[in-house]
Amino acid sequence: MIMSRSVKLSQKGQFVIPKEMREALGVKAGDELLVTFDEGKVVLTHPQHYARATRGMLKGTWGRSRGEVERYIKRERRSWE
């Protein structure tokens, strides 16, 4: 579902998220949102939704097994000395 609304930016750089968008996003006053700037767009997301969407993206980066990951960490730590 795509919704578009025009909002005005205050002198402090603030704007109001229209009610129907807050309801669709499931947010209320005091909730935390993640703000992302991506190719000229500002995207508001629940931090938990972002975490779920990105979970596992780096899987295998440092090794395919726990042992490989632990060896990688040991090598890195030795390089700090």
PDB file of N, CA and C in Angstrom:
ATOM      1  N   MET A   1       0.849  -1.172   0.000  1.00  0.00           N
ATOM      2  CA  MET A   1       0.000   0.000   0.000  1.00  0.00           C
ATOM      3  C   MET A   1       0.897   1.238   0.000  1.00  0.00           C
ATOM      4  N   ILE A   2       0.655   2.146  -0.906  1.00  0.00           N
ATOM      5  CA  ILE A   2       1.414   3.395  -0.968  1.00  0.00           C
ATOM      6  C   ILE A   2       0.488   4.528  -0.581  1.00  0.00           C
ATOM      7  N   MET A   3       0.956   5.362   0.358  1.00  0.00           N
ATOM      8  CA  MET A   3       0.224   6.556   0.773  1.00  0.00           C
ATOM      9  C   MET A   3       1.148   7.747   0.597  1.00  0.00           C
ATOM     10  N   SER A   4       0.625   8.832   0.124  1.00  0.00           N
ATOM     11  CA  SER A   4       1.402  10.067   0.013  1.00  0.00           C
ATOM     12  C   SER A   4       0.601  11.206   0.611  1.00  0.00           C
ATOM     13  N   ARG A   5       1.258  12.020   1.410  1.00  0.00           N
ATOM     14  CA  ARG A   5       0.638  13.203   1.994  1.00  0.00           C
ATOM     15  C   ARG A   5       1.690  14.305   2.024  1.00  0.00           C
ATOM     16  N   SER A   6       1.257  15.511   1.883  1.00  0.00           N
ATOM     17  CA  SER A   6       2.157  16.660   1.986  1.00  0.00           C
ATOM     18  C   SER A   6       2.173  17.126   3.438  1.00  0.00           C
ATOM     19  N   VAL A   7       3.361  17.333   3.994  1.00  0.00           N
ATOM     20  CA  VAL A   7       3.506  17.836   5.356  1.00  0.00           C
ATOM     21  C   VAL A   7       4.482  19.000   5.324  1.00  0.00           C
ATOM     22  N   LYS A   8       4.377  19.874   6.333  1.00  0.00           N
ATOM     23  CA  LYS A   8       5.279  21.017   6.418  1.00  0.00           C
ATOM     24  C   LYS A   8       6.328  20.772   7.484  1.00  0.00           C
ATOM     25  N   LEU A   9       7.535  21.178   7.199  1.00  0.00           N
ATOM     26  CA  LEU A   9       8.641  21.057   8.129  1.00  0.00           C
ATOM     27  C   LEU A   9       8.672  22.308   9.005  1.00  0.00           C
ATOM     28  N   SER A  10       8.769  22.116  10.331  1.00  0.00           N
ATOM     29  CA  SER A  10       8.835  23.260  11.237  1.00  0.00           C
ATOM     30  C   SER A  10      10.236  23.858  11.220  1.00  0.00           C
ATOM     31  N   GLN A  11      10.396  24.988  11.900  1.00  0.00           N
ATOM     32  CA  GLN A  11      11.712  25.611  11.985  1.00  0.00           C
ATOM     33  C   GLN A  11      12.719  24.706  12.694  1.00  0.00           C
ATOM     34  N   LYS A  12      12.225  23.814  13.542  1.00  0.00           N
ATOM     35  CA  LYS A  12      13.093  22.864  14.245  1.00  0.00           C
ATOM     36  C   LYS A  12      13.353  21.606  13.416  1.00  0.00           C
ATOM     37  N   GLY A  13      12.843  21.531  12.190  1.00  0.00           N
ATOM     38  CA  GLY A  13      13.035  20.359  11.347  1.00  0.00           C
ATOM     39  C   GLY A  13      12.079  19.226  11.666  1.00  0.00           C
ATOM     40  N   GLN A  14      10.967  19.528  12.319  1.00  0.00           N
ATOM     41  CA  GLN A  14      10.009  18.501  12.710  1.00  0.00           C
ATOM     42  C   GLN A  14       8.805  18.510  11.772  1.00  0.00           C
ATOM     43  N   PHE A  15       8.164  17.354  11.657  1.00  0.00           N
ATOM     44  CA  PHE A  15       6.901  17.277  10.924  1.00  0.00           C
ATOM     45  C   PHE A  15       6.010  16.252  11.609  1.00  0.00           C
ATOM     46  N   VAL A  16       4.725  16.312  11.313  1.00  0.00           N
ATOM     47  CA  VAL A  16       3.750  15.392  11.891  1.00  0.00           C
ATOM     48  C   VAL A  16       3.489  14.279  10.889  1.00  0.00           C
ATOM     49  N   ILE A  17       3.585  13.046  11.358  1.00  0.00           N
ATOM     50  CA  ILE A  17       3.220  11.906  10.510  1.00  0.00           C
ATOM     51  C   ILE A  17       1.693  11.848  10.511  1.00  0.00           C
ATOM     52  N   PRO A  18       1.063  11.928   9.348  1.00  0.00           N
ATOM     53  CA  PRO A  18      -0.405  11.913   9.306  1.00  0.00           C
ATOM     54  C   PRO A  18      -0.987  10.683  10.023  1.00  0.00           C
ATOM     55  N   LYS A  19      -2.173  10.897  10.614  1.00  0.00           N
ATOM     56  CA  LYS A  19      -2.813   9.879  11.438  1.00  0.00           C
ATOM     57  C   LYS A  19      -2.951   8.536  10.737  1.00  0.00           C
ATOM     58  N   GLU A  20      -3.402   8.543   9.495  1.00  0.00           N
ATOM     59  CA  GLU A  20      -3.605   7.268   8.798  1.00  0.00           C
ATOM     60  C   GLU A  20      -2.282   6.521   8.588  1.00  0.00           C
ATOM     61  N   MET A  21      -1.184   7.248   8.456  1.00  0.00           N
ATOM     62  CA  MET A  21       0.131   6.612   8.320  1.00  0.00           C
ATOM     63  C   MET A  21       0.621   6.070   9.663  1.00  0.00           C
ATOM     64  N   ARG A  22       0.386   6.815  10.737  1.00  0.00           N
ATOM     65  CA  ARG A  22       0.746   6.315  12.080  1.00  0.00           C
ATOM     66  C   ARG A  22      -0.020   5.032  12.383  1.00  0.00           C
ATOM     67  N   GLU A  23      -1.299   5.029  12.039  1.00  0.00           N
ATOM     68  CA  GLU A  23      -2.121   3.835  12.277  1.00  0.00           C
ATOM     69  C   GLU A  23      -1.640   2.659  11.434  1.00  0.00           C
ATOM     70  N   ALA A  24      -1.322   2.900  10.165  1.00  0.00           N
ATOM     71  CA  ALA A  24      -0.852   1.827   9.285  1.00  0.00           C
ATOM     72  C   ALA A  24       0.490   1.271   9.763  1.00  0.00           C
ATOM     73  N   LEU A  25       1.336   2.148  10.307  1.00  0.00           N
ATOM     74  CA  LEU A  25       2.636   1.733  10.818  1.00  0.00           C
ATOM     75  C   LEU A  25       2.535   1.141  12.214  1.00  0.00           C
ATOM     76  N   GLY A  26       1.422   1.447  12.889  1.00  0.00           N
ATOM     77  CA  GLY A  26       1.212   0.926  14.240  1.00  0.00           C
ATOM     78  C   GLY A  26       2.046   1.637  15.292  1.00  0.00           C
ATOM     79  N   VAL A  27       2.207   2.947  15.141  1.00  0.00           N
ATOM     80  CA  VAL A  27       2.997   3.708  16.107  1.00  0.00           C
ATOM     81  C   VAL A  27       2.125   4.731  16.825  1.00  0.00           C
ATOM     82  N   LYS A  28       2.593   5.080  18.032  1.00  0.00           N
ATOM     83  CA  LYS A  28       1.902   6.093  18.826  1.00  0.00           C
ATOM     84  C   LYS A  28       2.947   6.994  19.469  1.00  0.00           C
ATOM     85  N   ALA A  29       2.516   8.034  20.118  1.00  0.00           N
ATOM     86  CA  ALA A  29       3.431   8.981  20.765  1.00  0.00           C
ATOM     87  C   ALA A  29       4.373   8.237  21.703  1.00  0.00           C
ATOM     88  N   GLY A  30       5.643   8.560  21.617  1.00  0.00           N
ATOM     89  CA  GLY A  30       6.639   7.946  22.481  1.00  0.00           C
ATOM     90  C   GLY A  30       7.317   6.726  21.888  1.00  0.00           C
ATOM     91  N   ASP A  31       6.774   6.166  20.810  1.00  0.00           N
ATOM     92  CA  ASP A  31       7.403   5.006  20.164  1.00  0.00           C
ATOM     93  C   ASP A  31       8.693   5.434  19.472  1.00  0.00           C
ATOM     94  N   GLU A  32       9.617   4.497  19.386  1.00  0.00           N
ATOM     95  CA  GLU A  32      10.896   4.750  18.721  1.00  0.00           C
ATOM     96  C   GLU A  32      10.808   4.296  17.274  1.00  0.00           C
ATOM     97  N   LEU A  33      11.361   5.107  16.369  1.00  0.00           N
ATOM     98  CA  LEU A  33      11.412   4.763  14.949  1.00  0.00           C
ATOM     99  C   LEU A  33      12.852   4.838  14.463  1.00  0.00           C
ATOM    100  N   LEU A  34      13.181   4.037  13.478  1.00  0.00           N
ATOM    101  CA  LEU A  34      14.475   4.106  12.821  1.00  0.00           C
ATOM    102  C   LEU A  34      14.286   4.964  11.579  1.00  0.00           C
ATOM    103  N   VAL A  35      15.146   5.988  11.409  1.00  0.00           N
ATOM    104  CA  VAL A  35      15.071   6.875  10.255  1.00  0.00           C
ATOM    105  C   VAL A  35      16.250   6.553   9.352  1.00  0.00           C
ATOM    106  N   THR A  36      15.963   6.209   8.109  1.00  0.00           N
ATOM    107  CA  THR A  36      16.996   5.852   7.140  1.00  0.00           C
ATOM    108  C   THR A  36      16.899   6.774   5.942  1.00  0.00           C
ATOM    109  N   PHE A  37      18.045   7.250   5.467  1.00  0.00           N
ATOM    110  CA  PHE A  37      18.088   8.039   4.240  1.00  0.00           C
ATOM    111  C   PHE A  37      18.642   7.148   3.147  1.00  0.00           C
ATOM    112  N   ASP A  38      17.875   6.950   2.080  1.00  0.00           N
ATOM    113  CA  ASP A  38      18.275   6.035   1.016  1.00  0.00           C
ATOM    114  C   ASP A  38      17.970   6.655  -0.341  1.00  0.00           C
ATOM    115  N   GLU A  39      19.025   7.014  -1.060  1.00  0.00           N
ATOM    116  CA  GLU A  39      18.884   7.554  -2.412  1.00  0.00           C
ATOM    117  C   GLU A  39      17.818   8.632  -2.524  1.00  0.00           C
ATOM    118  N   GLY A  40      17.909   9.637  -1.664  1.00  0.00           N
ATOM    119  CA  GLY A  40      16.987  10.769  -1.729  1.00  0.00           C
ATOM    120  C   GLY A  40      15.645  10.546  -1.062  1.00  0.00           C
ATOM    121  N   LYS A  41      15.470   9.396  -0.387  1.00  0.00           N
ATOM    122  CA  LYS A  41      14.218   9.111   0.310  1.00  0.00           C
ATOM    123  C   LYS A  41      14.493   8.955   1.790  1.00  0.00           C
ATOM    124  N   VAL A  42      13.564   9.428   2.612  1.00  0.00           N
ATOM    125  CA  VAL A  42      13.622   9.209   4.048  1.00  0.00           C
ATOM    126  C   VAL A  42      12.613   8.112   4.360  1.00  0.00           C
ATOM    127  N   VAL A  43      13.078   7.050   5.031  1.00  0.00           N
ATOM    128  CA  VAL A  43      12.232   5.905   5.338  1.00  0.00           C
ATOM    129  C   VAL A  43      12.133   5.766   6.857  1.00  0.00           C
ATOM    130  N   LEU A  44      10.909   5.675   7.380  1.00  0.00           N
ATOM    131  CA  LEU A  44      10.664   5.470   8.813  1.00  0.00           C
ATOM    132  C   LEU A  44      10.261   4.024   9.023  1.00  0.00           C
ATOM    133  N   THR A  45      10.927   3.354   9.970  1.00  0.00           N
ATOM    134  CA  THR A  45      10.679   1.938  10.219  1.00  0.00           C
ATOM    135  C   THR A  45      10.740   1.665  11.712  1.00  0.00           C
ATOM    136  N   HIS A  46       9.982   0.682  12.171  1.00  0.00           N
ATOM    137  CA  HIS A  46      10.142   0.180  13.538  1.00  0.00           C
ATOM    138  C   HIS A  46      11.520  -0.459  13.623  1.00  0.00           C
ATOM    139  N   PRO A  47      12.318  -0.195  14.658  1.00  0.00           N
ATOM    140  CA  PRO A  47      13.615  -0.869  14.780  1.00  0.00           C
ATOM    141  C   PRO A  47      13.486  -2.393  14.742  1.00  0.00           C
ATOM    142  N   GLN A  48      12.425  -2.944  15.335  1.00  0.00           N
ATOM    143  CA  GLN A  48      12.238  -4.390  15.342  1.00  0.00           C
ATOM    144  C   GLN A  48      11.972  -4.920  13.930  1.00  0.00           C
ATOM    145  N   HIS A  49      11.218  -4.180  13.122  1.00  0.00           N
ATOM    146  CA  HIS A  49      10.953  -4.605  11.745  1.00  0.00           C
ATOM    147  C   HIS A  49      12.244  -4.608  10.940  1.00  0.00           C
ATOM    148  N   TYR A  50      13.077  -3.585  11.157  1.00  0.00           N
ATOM    149  CA  TYR A  50      14.354  -3.505  10.462  1.00  0.00           C
ATOM    150  C   TYR A  50      15.251  -4.667  10.869  1.00  0.00           C
ATOM    151  N   ALA A  51      15.278  -4.960  12.169  1.00  0.00           N
ATOM    152  CA  ALA A  51      16.099  -6.068  12.669  1.00  0.00           C
ATOM    153  C   ALA A  51      15.658  -7.388  12.038  1.00  0.00           C
ATOM    154  N   ARG A  52      14.349  -7.612  11.955  1.00  0.00           N
ATOM    155  CA  ARG A  52      13.841  -8.845  11.339  1.00  0.00           C
ATOM    156  C   ARG A  52      14.198  -8.907   9.859  1.00  0.00           C
ATOM    157  N   ALA A  53      14.080  -7.760   9.174  1.00  0.00           N
ATOM    158  CA  ALA A  53      14.338  -7.730   7.732  1.00  0.00           C
ATOM    159  C   ALA A  53      15.807  -7.952   7.404  1.00  0.00           C
ATOM    160  N   THR A  54      16.703  -7.553   8.297  1.00  0.00           N
ATOM    161  CA  THR A  54      18.135  -7.665   8.008  1.00  0.00           C
ATOM    162  C   THR A  54      18.800  -8.843   8.717  1.00  0.00           C
ATOM    163  N   ARG A  55      18.064  -9.551   9.562  1.00  0.00           N
ATOM    164  CA  ARG A  55      18.622 -10.681  10.297  1.00  0.00           C
ATOM    165  C   ARG A  55      19.178 -11.724   9.331  1.00  0.00           C
ATOM    166  N   GLY A  56      20.405 -12.145   9.586  1.00  0.00           N
ATOM    167  CA  GLY A  56      21.020 -13.190   8.794  1.00  0.00           C
ATOM    168  C   GLY A  56      21.727 -12.718   7.536  1.00  0.00           C
ATOM    169  N   MET A  57      21.708 -11.426   7.245  1.00  0.00           N
ATOM    170  CA  MET A  57      22.317 -10.936   6.013  1.00  0.00           C
ATOM    171  C   MET A  57      23.833 -11.167   5.979  1.00  0.00           C
ATOM    172  N   LEU A  58      24.470 -11.164   7.132  1.00  0.00           N
ATOM    173  CA  LEU A  58      25.924 -11.350   7.178  1.00  0.00           C
ATOM    174  C   LEU A  58      26.330 -12.771   7.524  1.00  0.00           C
ATOM    175  N   LYS A  59      25.362 -13.665   7.542  1.00  0.00           N
ATOM    176  CA  LYS A  59      25.645 -15.055   7.891  1.00  0.00           C
ATOM    177  C   LYS A  59      26.715 -15.621   6.962  1.00  0.00           C
ATOM    178  N   GLY A  60      27.723 -16.250   7.558  1.00  0.00           N
ATOM    179  CA  GLY A  60      28.800 -16.840   6.779  1.00  0.00           C
ATOM    180  C   GLY A  60      29.937 -15.893   6.454  1.00  0.00           C
ATOM    181  N   THR A  61      29.801 -14.619   6.803  1.00  0.00           N
ATOM    182  CA  THR A  61      30.835 -13.642   6.491  1.00  0.00           C
ATOM    183  C   THR A  61      32.156 -13.979   7.166  1.00  0.00           C
ATOM    184  N   TRP A  62      32.109 -14.415   8.409  1.00  0.00           N
ATOM    185  CA  TRP A  62      33.329 -14.692   9.176  1.00  0.00           C
ATOM    186  C   TRP A  62      33.592 -16.184   9.336  1.00  0.00           C
ATOM    187  N   GLY A  63      32.769 -17.002   8.770  1.00  0.00           N
ATOM    188  CA  GLY A  63      32.954 -18.442   8.827  1.00  0.00           C
ATOM    189  C   GLY A  63      31.618 -19.150   8.752  1.00  0.00           C
ATOM    190  N   ARG A  64      31.676 -20.411   8.363  1.00  0.00           N
ATOM    191  CA  ARG A  64      30.441 -21.176   8.205  1.00  0.00           C
ATOM    192  C   ARG A  64      30.072 -21.974   9.444  1.00  0.00           C
ATOM    193  N   SER A  65      31.021 -22.102  10.376  1.00  0.00           N
ATOM    194  CA  SER A  65      30.734 -22.838  11.599  1.00  0.00           C
ATOM    195  C   SER A  65      31.201 -22.016  12.793  1.00  0.00           C
ATOM    196  N   ARG A  66      30.761 -22.410  13.960  1.00  0.00           N
ATOM    197  CA  ARG A  66      31.169 -21.705  15.179  1.00  0.00           C
ATOM    198  C   ARG A  66      32.690 -21.730  15.335  1.00  0.00           C
ATOM    199  N   GLY A  67      33.302 -22.874  15.018  1.00  0.00           N
ATOM    200  CA  GLY A  67      34.756 -22.999  15.109  1.00  0.00           C
ATOM    201  C   GLY A  67      35.474 -22.031  14.187  1.00  0.00           C
ATOM    202  N   GLU A  68      34.996 -21.901  12.945  1.00  0.00           N
ATOM    203  CA  GLU A  68      35.603 -20.965  11.999  1.00  0.00           C
ATOM    204  C   GLU A  68      35.483 -19.535  12.495  1.00  0.00           C
ATOM    205  N   VAL A  69      34.332 -19.185  13.030  1.00  0.00           N
ATOM    206  CA  VAL A  69      34.118 -17.830  13.549  1.00  0.00           C
ATOM    207  C   VAL A  69      35.046 -17.573  14.731  1.00  0.00           C
ATOM    208  N   GLU A  70      35.165 -18.536  15.633  1.00  0.00           N
ATOM    209  CA  GLU A  70      36.046 -18.374  16.792  1.00  0.00           C
ATOM    210  C   GLU A  70      37.501 -18.226  16.358  1.00  0.00           C
ATOM    211  N   ARG A  71      37.939 -18.995  15.337  1.00  0.00           N
ATOM    212  CA  ARG A  71      39.308 -18.849  14.825  1.00  0.00           C
ATOM    213  C   ARG A  71      39.509 -17.462  14.212  1.00  0.00           C
ATOM    214  N   TYR A  72      38.512 -16.987  13.488  1.00  0.00           N
ATOM    215  CA  TYR A  72      38.581 -15.646  12.902  1.00  0.00           C
ATOM    216  C   TYR A  72      38.745 -14.592  13.997  1.00  0.00           C
ATOM    217  N   ILE A  73      37.943 -14.699  15.050  1.00  0.00           N
ATOM    218  CA  ILE A  73      38.007 -13.730  16.157  1.00  0.00           C
ATOM    219  C   ILE A  73      39.379 -13.777  16.820  1.00  0.00           C
ATOM    220  N   LYS A  74      39.925 -14.969  17.044  1.00  0.00           N
ATOM    221  CA  LYS A  74      41.258 -15.094  17.655  1.00  0.00           C
ATOM    222  C   LYS A  74      42.318 -14.428  16.786  1.00  0.00           C
ATOM    223  N   ARG A  75      42.260 -14.663  15.470  1.00  0.00           N
ATOM    224  CA  ARG A  75      43.235 -14.021  14.556  1.00  0.00           C
ATOM    225  C   ARG A  75      43.121 -12.503  14.635  1.00  0.00           C
ATOM    226  N   GLU A  76      41.903 -12.003  14.636  1.00  0.00           N
ATOM    227  CA  GLU A  76      41.703 -10.553  14.713  1.00  0.00           C
ATOM    228  C   GLU A  76      42.263  -9.992  16.016  1.00  0.00           C
ATOM    229  N   ARG A  77      41.960 -10.640  17.121  1.00  0.00           N
ATOM    230  CA  ARG A  77      42.453 -10.168  18.419  1.00  0.00           C
ATOM    231  C   ARG A  77      43.969 -10.183  18.494  1.00  0.00           C
ATOM    232  N   ARG A  78      44.589 -11.202  17.893  1.00  0.00           N
ATOM    233  CA  ARG A  78      46.065 -11.263  17.873  1.00  0.00           C
ATOM    234  C   ARG A  78      46.623 -10.100  17.068  1.00  0.00           C
ATOM    235  N   SER A  79      45.933  -9.701  16.017  1.00  0.00           N
ATOM    236  CA  SER A  79      46.416  -8.605  15.172  1.00  0.00           C
ATOM    237  C   SER A  79      46.382  -7.255  15.896  1.00  0.00           C
ATOM    238  N   TRP A  80      45.625  -7.157  16.990  1.00  0.00           N
ATOM    239  CA  TRP A  80      45.547  -5.911  17.764  1.00  0.00           C
ATOM    240  C   TRP A  80      46.756  -5.720  18.672  1.00  0.00           C
ATOM    241  N   GLU A  81      47.473  -6.809  18.953  1.00  0.00           N
ATOM    242  CA  GLU A  81      48.578  -6.728  19.906  1.00  0.00           C
ATOM    243  C   GLU A  81      49.803  -6.109  19.298  1.00  0.00           C
TER     244      GLU A  81
END
